[in-house]
Amino acid sequence: MRSEKNLKNRAYLVDASIYIFRAWYSYPVDVTDSQGCPVNAVHGYADFLTSLLHQLKPRHIACAFDGSLATSFRNEIYPAYKANREPAPAELKYQFDLCRRLTRALGISEYSSDRFEADDILGSMASMMATEGHPVTIITSDKDLTQLLKSKHDRWWDYARNIQLDNYGVEQRFGVRPEQIADLLALAGDTVDNIPGIPGIGAKTAAGLLQRYRSLEGIYEHLHEVENCGLRGAVRIRKLLTEHENDARLARRLTVVSDQALTGNTPSCLRWKGINREQLEEVSDDLGVSKFRRRQWAEIKRD
């Protein structure tokens, strides 16, 4: 069991892109910078991130940003991956760059990749922190990332709704343990990411199968038993599993979060550095931020 000292060394790993999109849709579009360009998403993201720093005073914190929606290794495996999503408008792409600048000015390490998604960067961070006994909190609203909870001290935190889940909470909500989430998505599909899964098998049926057979691999090892497993429509379920085995195995390669996005990094890379006042002034000038808001941002101090 980890000591109380290590519990205080919790690492907060932020799925930044989600909170930028949330701000883009919720903050007024007439918020502009010194060039007259919309910066509503930056202001909303800044409010979220500075509120987080005020509240937590973290020792370790980092942000992960999505790069391209069309060049990740998953697109090489399955070209239709996320093909249902519209590309971000130019006005928002401009704001993403400013959000990354602001993140660095606030002393927070930030990462992005064209080959790996933000999910994989977060997975790599979580794995890296676990090697030195740091519990992690994944700050996101993406249920896929519940699979990153490894220890009883890890948390998934939907900050906007103030919902926190530990391992037990994940199982209560989704019917499976964190380590089974990727298998659940492979079976039931994930419409958000354009992953079809097995047609005709929903989340409830997938959870029932995983409760009995532990994993996708376990289901196929015991495929001959499925029609007698007690699930409603078990004969049909076995038929679907048989017909779509290749689809399920392909989907599993897409749904599992990689931990290979960050190489050569150590937990010290994720330590909060504190505010860089010079950088913060520069980005505040570009954003046309008021003096009141500048003071709010600049007064954040480490414990």
C-alpha atoms as a PDB file:
ATOM      1  CA  MET A   1       0.000   0.000   0.000  1.00  0.00           C
ATOM      2  CA  ARG A   2       1.281   3.468  -0.822  1.00  0.00           C
ATOM      3  CA  SER A   3       2.259   5.767   2.004  1.00  0.00           C
ATOM      4  CA  GLU A   4       0.375   8.994   2.733  1.00  0.00           C
ATOM      5  CA  LYS A   5       3.401  10.892   1.458  1.00  0.00           C
ATOM      6  CA  ASN A   6       3.030   9.274  -1.953  1.00  0.00           C
ATOM      7  CA  LEU A   7      -0.700   9.957  -1.983  1.00  0.00           C
ATOM      8  CA  LYS A   8       0.132  13.662  -1.734  1.00  0.00           C
ATOM      9  CA  ASN A   9       2.265  13.190  -4.831  1.00  0.00           C
ATOM     10  CA  ARG A  10      -0.798  12.514  -6.958  1.00  0.00           C
ATOM     11  CA  ALA A  11      -0.307  13.407 -10.621  1.00  0.00           C
ATOM     12  CA  TYR A  12      -3.134  15.240 -12.410  1.00  0.00           C
ATOM     13  CA  LEU A  13      -3.220  14.369 -16.103  1.00  0.00           C
ATOM     14  CA  VAL A  14      -5.459  16.626 -18.187  1.00  0.00           C
ATOM     15  CA  ASP A  15      -7.220  15.734 -21.436  1.00  0.00           C
ATOM     16  CA  ALA A  16      -6.877  19.347 -22.599  1.00  0.00           C
ATOM     17  CA  SER A  17      -8.604  19.148 -25.981  1.00  0.00           C
ATOM     18  CA  ILE A  18     -11.945  18.199 -24.436  1.00  0.00           C
ATOM     19  CA  TYR A  19     -11.984  21.338 -22.288  1.00  0.00           C
ATOM     20  CA  ILE A  20     -10.992  23.550 -25.214  1.00  0.00           C
ATOM     21  CA  PHE A  21     -13.898  22.211 -27.276  1.00  0.00           C
ATOM     22  CA  ARG A  22     -16.222  22.677 -24.312  1.00  0.00           C
ATOM     23  CA  ALA A  23     -15.154  26.320 -24.016  1.00  0.00           C
ATOM     24  CA  TRP A  24     -15.474  26.837 -27.792  1.00  0.00           C
ATOM     25  CA  TYR A  25     -19.161  25.946 -27.592  1.00  0.00           C
ATOM     26  CA  SER A  26     -19.971  27.600 -24.263  1.00  0.00           C
ATOM     27  CA  TYR A  27     -18.089  30.944 -24.269  1.00  0.00           C
ATOM     28  CA  PRO A  28     -19.304  33.919 -26.366  1.00  0.00           C
ATOM     29  CA  VAL A  29     -17.728  34.053 -29.839  1.00  0.00           C
ATOM     30  CA  ASP A  30     -17.352  37.846 -29.620  1.00  0.00           C
ATOM     31  CA  VAL A  31     -14.391  37.433 -27.215  1.00  0.00           C
ATOM     32  CA  THR A  32     -11.463  38.454 -29.436  1.00  0.00           C
ATOM     33  CA  ASP A  33      -7.730  39.077 -29.158  1.00  0.00           C
ATOM     34  CA  SER A  34      -5.623  42.112 -30.068  1.00  0.00           C
ATOM     35  CA  GLN A  35      -5.912  41.135 -33.770  1.00  0.00           C
ATOM     36  CA  GLY A  36      -9.693  40.775 -33.636  1.00  0.00           C
ATOM     37  CA  CYS A  37      -9.576  36.962 -33.867  1.00  0.00           C
ATOM     38  CA  PRO A  38     -11.926  34.849 -31.695  1.00  0.00           C
ATOM     39  CA  VAL A  39     -10.288  33.600 -28.492  1.00  0.00           C
ATOM     40  CA  ASN A  40     -13.356  32.452 -26.591  1.00  0.00           C
ATOM     41  CA  ALA A  41     -12.033  28.880 -26.328  1.00  0.00           C
ATOM     42  CA  VAL A  42      -8.727  30.129 -24.902  1.00  0.00           C
ATOM     43  CA  HIS A  43     -10.496  32.163 -22.222  1.00  0.00           C
ATOM     44  CA  GLY A  44     -12.719  29.252 -21.265  1.00  0.00           C
ATOM     45  CA  TYR A  45      -9.792  26.860 -21.183  1.00  0.00           C
ATOM     46  CA  ALA A  46      -7.776  29.364 -19.117  1.00  0.00           C
ATOM     47  CA  ASP A  47     -10.600  29.669 -16.598  1.00  0.00           C
ATOM     48  CA  PHE A  48     -10.731  25.870 -16.299  1.00  0.00           C
ATOM     49  CA  LEU A  49      -6.975  25.411 -15.981  1.00  0.00           C
ATOM     50  CA  THR A  50      -6.355  28.266 -13.529  1.00  0.00           C
ATOM     51  CA  SER A  51      -9.291  27.102 -11.409  1.00  0.00           C
ATOM     52  CA  LEU A  52      -7.702  23.662 -11.343  1.00  0.00           C
ATOM     53  CA  LEU A  53      -4.353  25.099 -10.209  1.00  0.00           C
ATOM     54  CA  HIS A  54      -5.986  27.272  -7.525  1.00  0.00           C
ATOM     55  CA  GLN A  55      -7.917  24.285  -6.199  1.00  0.00           C
ATOM     56  CA  LEU A  56      -5.229  21.614  -6.292  1.00  0.00           C
ATOM     57  CA  LYS A  57      -1.804  23.281  -5.976  1.00  0.00           C
ATOM     58  CA  PRO A  58      -0.474  20.100  -7.619  1.00  0.00           C
ATOM     59  CA  ARG A  59       3.070  18.827  -7.429  1.00  0.00           C
ATOM     60  CA  HIS A  60       2.641  16.993 -10.726  1.00  0.00           C
ATOM     61  CA  ILE A  61       0.370  18.054 -13.566  1.00  0.00           C
ATOM     62  CA  ALA A  62       0.507  17.813 -17.348  1.00  0.00           C
ATOM     63  CA  CYS A  63      -1.770  18.388 -20.335  1.00  0.00           C
ATOM     64  CA  ALA A  64      -2.213  16.243 -23.436  1.00  0.00           C
ATOM     65  CA  PHE A  65      -3.437  17.733 -26.722  1.00  0.00           C
ATOM     66  CA  ASP A  66      -4.701  15.956 -29.822  1.00  0.00           C
ATOM     67  CA  GLY A  67      -2.655  16.557 -32.955  1.00  0.00           C
ATOM     68  CA  SER A  68      -4.222  15.309 -36.190  1.00  0.00           C
ATOM     69  CA  LEU A  69      -7.483  13.363 -36.436  1.00  0.00           C
ATOM     70  CA  ALA A  70      -6.258  11.562 -39.546  1.00  0.00           C
ATOM     71  CA  THR A  71      -2.614  10.576 -38.991  1.00  0.00           C
ATOM     72  CA  SER A  72      -2.551   8.499 -35.809  1.00  0.00           C
ATOM     73  CA  PHE A  73      -1.352   4.899 -35.916  1.00  0.00           C
ATOM     74  CA  ARG A  74      -5.011   3.848 -35.596  1.00  0.00           C
ATOM     75  CA  ASN A  75      -5.766   5.336 -39.014  1.00  0.00           C
ATOM     76  CA  GLU A  76      -3.109   3.024 -40.446  1.00  0.00           C
ATOM     77  CA  ILE A  77      -4.924   0.060 -38.887  1.00  0.00           C
ATOM     78  CA  TYR A  78      -8.436   1.254 -39.802  1.00  0.00           C
ATOM     79  CA  PRO A  79      -8.698   4.206 -42.246  1.00  0.00           C
ATOM     80  CA  ALA A  80     -12.305   4.944 -41.224  1.00  0.00           C
ATOM     81  CA  TYR A  81     -11.241   5.602 -37.632  1.00  0.00           C
ATOM     82  CA  LYS A  82     -12.801   8.932 -36.542  1.00  0.00           C
ATOM     83  CA  ALA A  83     -13.745   9.623 -40.171  1.00  0.00           C
ATOM     84  CA  ASN A  84     -17.181  10.674 -38.916  1.00  0.00           C
ATOM     85  CA  ARG A  85     -15.731  13.781 -37.251  1.00  0.00           C
ATOM     86  CA  GLU A  86     -15.603  17.166 -38.910  1.00  0.00           C
ATOM     87  CA  PRO A  87     -12.180  18.835 -38.824  1.00  0.00           C
ATOM     88  CA  ALA A  88     -11.820  21.706 -36.377  1.00  0.00           C
ATOM     89  CA  PRO A  89     -12.557  25.100 -37.977  1.00  0.00           C
ATOM     90  CA  ALA A  90      -9.593  27.372 -38.684  1.00  0.00           C
ATOM     91  CA  GLU A  91     -10.683  29.751 -35.899  1.00  0.00           C
ATOM     92  CA  LEU A  92     -10.406  26.963 -33.360  1.00  0.00           C
ATOM     93  CA  LYS A  93      -7.093  25.624 -34.679  1.00  0.00           C
ATOM     94  CA  TYR A  94      -5.659  29.093 -34.104  1.00  0.00           C
ATOM     95  CA  GLN A  95      -6.885  28.960 -30.512  1.00  0.00           C
ATOM     96  CA  PHE A  96      -5.338  25.545 -29.879  1.00  0.00           C
ATOM     97  CA  ASP A  97      -1.888  27.039 -30.436  1.00  0.00           C
ATOM     98  CA  LEU A  98      -2.668  29.822 -27.959  1.00  0.00           C
ATOM     99  CA  CYS A  99      -3.946  27.276 -25.419  1.00  0.00           C
ATOM    100  CA  ARG A 100      -0.661  25.402 -25.622  1.00  0.00           C
ATOM    101  CA  ARG A 101       1.273  28.655 -25.126  1.00  0.00           C
ATOM    102  CA  LEU A 102      -0.900  29.509 -22.138  1.00  0.00           C
ATOM    103  CA  THR A 103      -0.370  26.039 -20.659  1.00  0.00           C
ATOM    104  CA  ARG A 104       3.401  26.479 -20.824  1.00  0.00           C
ATOM    105  CA  ALA A 105       3.155  30.003 -19.370  1.00  0.00           C
ATOM    106  CA  LEU A 106       1.290  28.524 -16.409  1.00  0.00           C
ATOM    107  CA  GLY A 107       4.265  26.232 -15.824  1.00  0.00           C
ATOM    108  CA  ILE A 108       2.507  23.061 -16.965  1.00  0.00           C
ATOM    109  CA  SER A 109       4.162  20.518 -19.235  1.00  0.00           C
ATOM    110  CA  GLU A 110       2.155  19.896 -22.395  1.00  0.00           C
ATOM    111  CA  TYR A 111       2.448  17.256 -25.090  1.00  0.00           C
ATOM    112  CA  SER A 112       1.003  16.510 -28.517  1.00  0.00           C
ATOM    113  CA  SER A 113       1.747  14.066 -31.324  1.00  0.00           C
ATOM    114  CA  ASP A 114       0.585  13.432 -34.873  1.00  0.00           C
ATOM    115  CA  ARG A 115       1.090   9.674 -34.476  1.00  0.00           C
ATOM    116  CA  PHE A 116      -0.385   9.215 -31.004  1.00  0.00           C
ATOM    117  CA  GLU A 117      -3.615  10.675 -29.661  1.00  0.00           C
ATOM    118  CA  ALA A 118      -4.021  12.594 -26.433  1.00  0.00           C
ATOM    119  CA  ASP A 119      -5.418   9.377 -24.922  1.00  0.00           C
ATOM    120  CA  ASP A 120      -2.127   7.605 -25.609  1.00  0.00           C
ATOM    121  CA  ILE A 121      -0.099  10.495 -24.204  1.00  0.00           C
ATOM    122  CA  LEU A 122      -2.182  10.326 -21.031  1.00  0.00           C
ATOM    123  CA  GLY A 123      -1.741   6.553 -20.936  1.00  0.00           C
ATOM    124  CA  SER A 124       2.019   6.971 -21.255  1.00  0.00           C
ATOM    125  CA  MET A 125       2.055   9.562 -18.472  1.00  0.00           C
ATOM    126  CA  ALA A 126      -0.036   7.341 -16.204  1.00  0.00           C
ATOM    127  CA  SER A 127       2.264   4.372 -16.797  1.00  0.00           C
ATOM    128  CA  MET A 128       5.347   6.514 -16.212  1.00  0.00           C
ATOM    129  CA  MET A 129       4.018   7.899 -12.920  1.00  0.00           C
ATOM    130  CA  ALA A 130       2.965   4.441 -11.736  1.00  0.00           C
ATOM    131  CA  THR A 131       6.557   3.190 -12.037  1.00  0.00           C
ATOM    132  CA  GLU A 132       7.503   5.497  -9.151  1.00  0.00           C
ATOM    133  CA  GLY A 133       4.369   4.925  -7.080  1.00  0.00           C
ATOM    134  CA  HIS A 134       2.469   8.101  -7.962  1.00  0.00           C
ATOM    135  CA  PRO A 135      -1.317   7.719  -8.011  1.00  0.00           C
ATOM    136  CA  VAL A 136      -2.943   9.531 -10.932  1.00  0.00           C
ATOM    137  CA  THR A 137      -6.133  11.419 -11.582  1.00  0.00           C
ATOM    138  CA  ILE A 138      -7.200  11.521 -15.232  1.00  0.00           C
ATOM    139  CA  ILE A 139      -9.147  14.747 -15.807  1.00  0.00           C
ATOM    140  CA  THR A 140     -11.505  14.163 -18.725  1.00  0.00           C
ATOM    141  CA  SER A 141     -15.085  13.365 -19.643  1.00  0.00           C
ATOM    142  CA  ASP A 142     -14.032  10.540 -21.983  1.00  0.00           C
ATOM    143  CA  LYS A 143     -15.191   7.192 -20.592  1.00  0.00           C
ATOM    144  CA  ASP A 144     -12.577   5.369 -22.700  1.00  0.00           C
ATOM    145  CA  LEU A 145      -9.895   6.697 -20.352  1.00  0.00           C
ATOM    146  CA  THR A 146     -11.303   4.873 -17.345  1.00  0.00           C
ATOM    147  CA  GLN A 147      -9.110   2.000 -18.571  1.00  0.00           C
ATOM    148  CA  LEU A 148      -6.086   3.935 -17.242  1.00  0.00           C
ATOM    149  CA  LEU A 149      -7.046   3.333 -13.607  1.00  0.00           C
ATOM    150  CA  LYS A 150      -4.609   0.705 -12.383  1.00  0.00           C
ATOM    151  CA  SER A 151      -4.448   1.057  -8.592  1.00  0.00           C
ATOM    152  CA  LYS A 152      -7.107   1.620  -5.961  1.00  0.00           C
ATOM    153  CA  HIS A 153      -5.808   5.175  -5.511  1.00  0.00           C
ATOM    154  CA  ASP A 154      -6.201   6.199  -9.169  1.00  0.00           C
ATOM    155  CA  ARG A 155      -9.156   8.357 -10.192  1.00  0.00           C
ATOM    156  CA  TRP A 156     -11.102   9.374 -13.310  1.00  0.00           C
ATOM    157  CA  TRP A 157     -12.498  12.893 -12.883  1.00  0.00           C
ATOM    158  CA  ASP A 158     -15.108  14.549 -15.076  1.00  0.00           C
ATOM    159  CA  TYR A 159     -14.271  18.023 -13.804  1.00  0.00           C
ATOM    160  CA  ALA A 160     -17.207  19.919 -15.352  1.00  0.00           C
ATOM    161  CA  ARG A 161     -19.763  17.560 -13.800  1.00  0.00           C
ATOM    162  CA  ASN A 162     -17.662  16.932 -10.673  1.00  0.00           C
ATOM    163  CA  ILE A 163     -17.898  13.176 -11.069  1.00  0.00           C
ATOM    164  CA  GLN A 164     -14.987  11.138  -9.739  1.00  0.00           C
ATOM    165  CA  LEU A 165     -14.675   7.397 -10.178  1.00  0.00           C
ATOM    166  CA  ASP A 166     -12.239   4.932  -8.655  1.00  0.00           C
ATOM    167  CA  ASN A 167     -11.923   1.303  -9.775  1.00  0.00           C
ATOM    168  CA  TYR A 168     -15.084   0.320  -7.936  1.00  0.00           C
ATOM    169  CA  GLY A 169     -16.981   3.309  -9.339  1.00  0.00           C
ATOM    170  CA  VAL A 170     -16.017   2.353 -12.894  1.00  0.00           C
ATOM    171  CA  GLU A 171     -17.336  -1.161 -12.349  1.00  0.00           C
ATOM    172  CA  GLN A 172     -20.568   0.146 -10.854  1.00  0.00           C
ATOM    173  CA  ARG A 173     -21.157   2.548 -13.753  1.00  0.00           C
ATOM    174  CA  PHE A 174     -20.088   0.440 -16.739  1.00  0.00           C
ATOM    175  CA  GLY A 175     -20.473  -3.115 -15.452  1.00  0.00           C
ATOM    176  CA  VAL A 176     -16.823  -3.966 -16.026  1.00  0.00           C
ATOM    177  CA  ARG A 177     -13.493  -3.253 -14.369  1.00  0.00           C
ATOM    178  CA  PRO A 178     -11.149  -0.578 -15.793  1.00  0.00           C
ATOM    179  CA  GLU A 179      -8.908  -3.174 -17.435  1.00  0.00           C
ATOM    180  CA  GLN A 180     -11.963  -4.507 -19.328  1.00  0.00           C
ATOM    181  CA  ILE A 181     -13.074  -1.171 -20.812  1.00  0.00           C
ATOM    182  CA  ALA A 182     -11.131  -1.641 -24.069  1.00  0.00           C
ATOM    183  CA  ASP A 183     -12.756  -5.067 -24.510  1.00  0.00           C
ATOM    184  CA  LEU A 184     -16.195  -3.616 -23.774  1.00  0.00           C
ATOM    185  CA  LEU A 185     -15.704  -0.970 -26.495  1.00  0.00           C
ATOM    186  CA  ALA A 186     -14.345  -3.551 -28.933  1.00  0.00           C
ATOM    187  CA  LEU A 187     -17.507  -5.643 -28.528  1.00  0.00           C
ATOM    188  CA  ALA A 188     -20.130  -2.900 -28.307  1.00  0.00           C
ATOM    189  CA  GLY A 189     -18.416  -0.383 -30.581  1.00  0.00           C
ATOM    190  CA  ASP A 190     -17.767   3.293 -30.027  1.00  0.00           C
ATOM    191  CA  THR A 191     -19.794   5.624 -32.244  1.00  0.00           C
ATOM    192  CA  VAL A 192     -17.799   8.660 -31.113  1.00  0.00           C
ATOM    193  CA  ASP A 193     -14.641   7.191 -32.674  1.00  0.00           C
ATOM    194  CA  ASN A 194     -16.442   5.439 -35.555  1.00  0.00           C
ATOM    195  CA  ILE A 195     -15.572   1.965 -34.273  1.00  0.00           C
ATOM    196  CA  PRO A 196     -18.417  -0.409 -35.256  1.00  0.00           C
ATOM    197  CA  GLY A 197     -17.697  -3.304 -32.877  1.00  0.00           C
ATOM    198  CA  ILE A 198     -20.010  -6.305 -33.333  1.00  0.00           C
ATOM    199  CA  PRO A 199     -23.395  -5.352 -34.817  1.00  0.00           C
ATOM    200  CA  GLY A 200     -26.191  -6.411 -32.500  1.00  0.00           C
ATOM    201  CA  ILE A 201     -24.106  -6.530 -29.319  1.00  0.00           C
ATOM    202  CA  GLY A 202     -24.645  -3.564 -27.041  1.00  0.00           C
ATOM    203  CA  ALA A 203     -22.868  -2.416 -23.917  1.00  0.00           C
ATOM    204  CA  LYS A 204     -25.088  -4.437 -21.552  1.00  0.00           C
ATOM    205  CA  THR A 205     -24.522  -7.707 -23.425  1.00  0.00           C
ATOM    206  CA  ALA A 206     -20.802  -6.978 -23.779  1.00  0.00           C
ATOM    207  CA  ALA A 207     -20.548  -6.352 -20.030  1.00  0.00           C
ATOM    208  CA  GLY A 208     -22.378  -9.606 -19.316  1.00  0.00           C
ATOM    209  CA  LEU A 209     -19.940 -11.539 -21.489  1.00  0.00           C
ATOM    210  CA  LEU A 210     -16.930  -9.926 -19.862  1.00  0.00           C
ATOM    211  CA  GLN A 211     -18.276 -10.602 -16.377  1.00  0.00           C
ATOM    212  CA  ARG A 212     -18.305 -14.291 -17.292  1.00  0.00           C
ATOM    213  CA  TYR A 213     -15.185 -14.627 -19.438  1.00  0.00           C
ATOM    214  CA  ARG A 214     -12.989 -11.725 -18.219  1.00  0.00           C
ATOM    215  CA  SER A 215     -11.653 -10.534 -21.603  1.00  0.00           C
ATOM    216  CA  LEU A 216     -12.229 -10.599 -25.349  1.00  0.00           C
ATOM    217  CA  GLU A 217      -9.636 -13.356 -25.581  1.00  0.00           C
ATOM    218  CA  GLY A 218     -11.423 -15.290 -22.830  1.00  0.00           C
ATOM    219  CA  ILE A 219     -14.723 -15.011 -24.692  1.00  0.00           C
ATOM    220  CA  TYR A 220     -13.234 -16.554 -27.821  1.00  0.00           C
ATOM    221  CA  GLU A 221     -11.453 -19.246 -25.846  1.00  0.00           C
ATOM    222  CA  HIS A 222     -14.859 -20.264 -24.438  1.00  0.00           C
ATOM    223  CA  LEU A 223     -16.952 -19.503 -27.512  1.00  0.00           C
ATOM    224  CA  HIS A 224     -18.464 -23.008 -27.443  1.00  0.00           C
ATOM    225  CA  GLU A 225     -19.940 -22.230 -24.000  1.00  0.00           C
ATOM    226  CA  VAL A 226     -21.583 -18.920 -24.883  1.00  0.00           C
ATOM    227  CA  GLU A 227     -24.902 -20.315 -26.090  1.00  0.00           C
ATOM    228  CA  ASN A 228     -25.408 -21.808 -22.604  1.00  0.00           C
ATOM    229  CA  CYS A 229     -24.054 -18.844 -20.615  1.00  0.00           C
ATOM    230  CA  GLY A 230     -27.458 -17.661 -19.416  1.00  0.00           C
ATOM    231  CA  LEU A 231     -27.542 -14.366 -21.298  1.00  0.00           C
ATOM    232  CA  ARG A 232     -30.728 -13.526 -23.152  1.00  0.00           C
ATOM    233  CA  GLY A 233     -30.380 -14.450 -26.820  1.00  0.00           C
ATOM    234  CA  ALA A 234     -27.228 -16.479 -26.121  1.00  0.00           C
ATOM    235  CA  VAL A 235     -27.518 -18.574 -29.302  1.00  0.00           C
ATOM    236  CA  ARG A 236     -27.728 -15.427 -31.409  1.00  0.00           C
ATOM    237  CA  ILE A 237     -24.847 -13.852 -29.448  1.00  0.00           C
ATOM    238  CA  ARG A 238     -22.596 -16.810 -30.207  1.00  0.00           C
ATOM    239  CA  LYS A 239     -23.502 -16.551 -33.902  1.00  0.00           C
ATOM    240  CA  LEU A 240     -22.637 -12.839 -33.950  1.00  0.00           C
ATOM    241  CA  LEU A 241     -19.354 -13.439 -32.127  1.00  0.00           C
ATOM    242  CA  THR A 242     -18.429 -16.130 -34.628  1.00  0.00           C
ATOM    243  CA  GLU A 243     -19.325 -14.085 -37.698  1.00  0.00           C
ATOM    244  CA  HIS A 244     -17.592 -10.916 -36.510  1.00  0.00           C
ATOM    245  CA  GLU A 245     -14.519 -12.258 -34.718  1.00  0.00           C
ATOM    246  CA  ASN A 246     -12.124 -10.428 -37.038  1.00  0.00           C
ATOM    247  CA  ASP A 247     -14.078  -7.186 -36.545  1.00  0.00           C
ATOM    248  CA  ALA A 248     -13.908  -7.531 -32.758  1.00  0.00           C
ATOM    249  CA  ARG A 249     -10.188  -8.238 -32.770  1.00  0.00           C
ATOM    250  CA  LEU A 250      -9.559  -5.281 -35.085  1.00  0.00           C
ATOM    251  CA  ALA A 251     -11.654  -3.036 -32.847  1.00  0.00           C
ATOM    252  CA  ARG A 252      -9.653  -4.159 -29.806  1.00  0.00           C
ATOM    253  CA  ARG A 253      -6.467  -2.833 -31.458  1.00  0.00           C
ATOM    254  CA  LEU A 254      -8.200   0.551 -31.738  1.00  0.00           C
ATOM    255  CA  THR A 255      -9.807   0.769 -28.299  1.00  0.00           C
ATOM    256  CA  VAL A 256      -6.819  -0.041 -26.122  1.00  0.00           C
ATOM    257  CA  VAL A 257      -4.837   3.028 -25.016  1.00  0.00           C
ATOM    258  CA  SER A 258      -1.125   2.846 -25.824  1.00  0.00           C
ATOM    259  CA  ASP A 259       1.557   3.675 -23.255  1.00  0.00           C
ATOM    260  CA  GLN A 260       4.291   4.184 -25.869  1.00  0.00           C
ATOM    261  CA  ALA A 261       3.673   7.842 -26.768  1.00  0.00           C
ATOM    262  CA  LEU A 262       6.341   9.323 -24.489  1.00  0.00           C
ATOM    263  CA  THR A 263       9.816   7.858 -24.479  1.00  0.00           C
ATOM    264  CA  GLY A 264      12.764   9.228 -22.562  1.00  0.00           C
ATOM    265  CA  ASN A 265      10.552  11.139 -20.120  1.00  0.00           C
ATOM    266  CA  THR A 266      10.549  10.750 -16.344  1.00  0.00           C
ATOM    267  CA  PRO A 267       8.093  11.774 -13.609  1.00  0.00           C
ATOM    268  CA  SER A 268      10.196  14.888 -12.982  1.00  0.00           C
ATOM    269  CA  CYS A 269       9.094  16.138 -16.430  1.00  0.00           C
ATOM    270  CA  LEU A 270       5.542  16.459 -15.081  1.00  0.00           C
ATOM    271  CA  ARG A 271       6.347  18.560 -12.018  1.00  0.00           C
ATOM    272  CA  TRP A 272       4.457  21.825 -11.921  1.00  0.00           C
ATOM    273  CA  LYS A 273       7.002  24.590 -12.421  1.00  0.00           C
ATOM    274  CA  GLY A 274       4.888  27.493 -11.197  1.00  0.00           C
ATOM    275  CA  ILE A 275       3.870  30.547 -13.199  1.00  0.00           C
ATOM    276  CA  ASN A 276       6.305  31.934 -15.770  1.00  0.00           C
ATOM    277  CA  ARG A 277       5.331  35.588 -15.413  1.00  0.00           C
ATOM    278  CA  GLU A 278       7.168  36.796 -18.506  1.00  0.00           C
ATOM    279  CA  GLN A 279       5.528  34.218 -20.754  1.00  0.00           C
ATOM    280  CA  LEU A 280       2.170  34.823 -19.116  1.00  0.00           C
ATOM    281  CA  GLU A 281       2.416  38.562 -19.804  1.00  0.00           C
ATOM    282  CA  GLU A 282       3.275  37.883 -23.439  1.00  0.00           C
ATOM    283  CA  VAL A 283       0.347  35.552 -24.050  1.00  0.00           C
ATOM    284  CA  SER A 284      -1.956  37.869 -22.068  1.00  0.00           C
ATOM    285  CA  ASP A 285      -0.952  40.758 -24.331  1.00  0.00           C
ATOM    286  CA  ASP A 286      -1.714  38.699 -27.425  1.00  0.00           C
ATOM    287  CA  LEU A 287      -5.071  37.656 -25.981  1.00  0.00           C
ATOM    288  CA  GLY A 288      -6.007  41.179 -24.916  1.00  0.00           C
ATOM    289  CA  VAL A 289      -6.635  39.984 -21.371  1.00  0.00           C
ATOM    290  CA  SER A 290      -7.898  42.491 -18.801  1.00  0.00           C
ATOM    291  CA  LYS A 291      -5.735  43.582 -15.883  1.00  0.00           C
ATOM    292  CA  PHE A 292      -8.141  41.931 -13.457  1.00  0.00           C
ATOM    293  CA  ARG A 293      -7.875  38.563 -15.182  1.00  0.00           C
ATOM    294  CA  ARG A 294      -4.087  38.868 -15.439  1.00  0.00           C
ATOM    295  CA  ARG A 295      -3.903  39.345 -11.683  1.00  0.00           C
ATOM    296  CA  GLN A 296      -6.093  36.299 -11.151  1.00  0.00           C
ATOM    297  CA  TRP A 297      -3.825  34.151 -13.303  1.00  0.00           C
ATOM    298  CA  ALA A 298      -0.548  35.494 -11.963  1.00  0.00           C
ATOM    299  CA  GLU A 299      -1.375  35.077  -8.271  1.00  0.00           C
ATOM    300  CA  ILE A 300      -1.418  31.277  -8.428  1.00  0.00           C
ATOM    301  CA  LYS A 301       1.408  30.000  -6.238  1.00  0.00           C
ATOM    302  CA  ARG A 302       2.784  26.571  -5.457  1.00  0.00           C
ATOM    303  CA  ASP A 303       2.543  25.233  -1.909  1.00  0.00           C
END
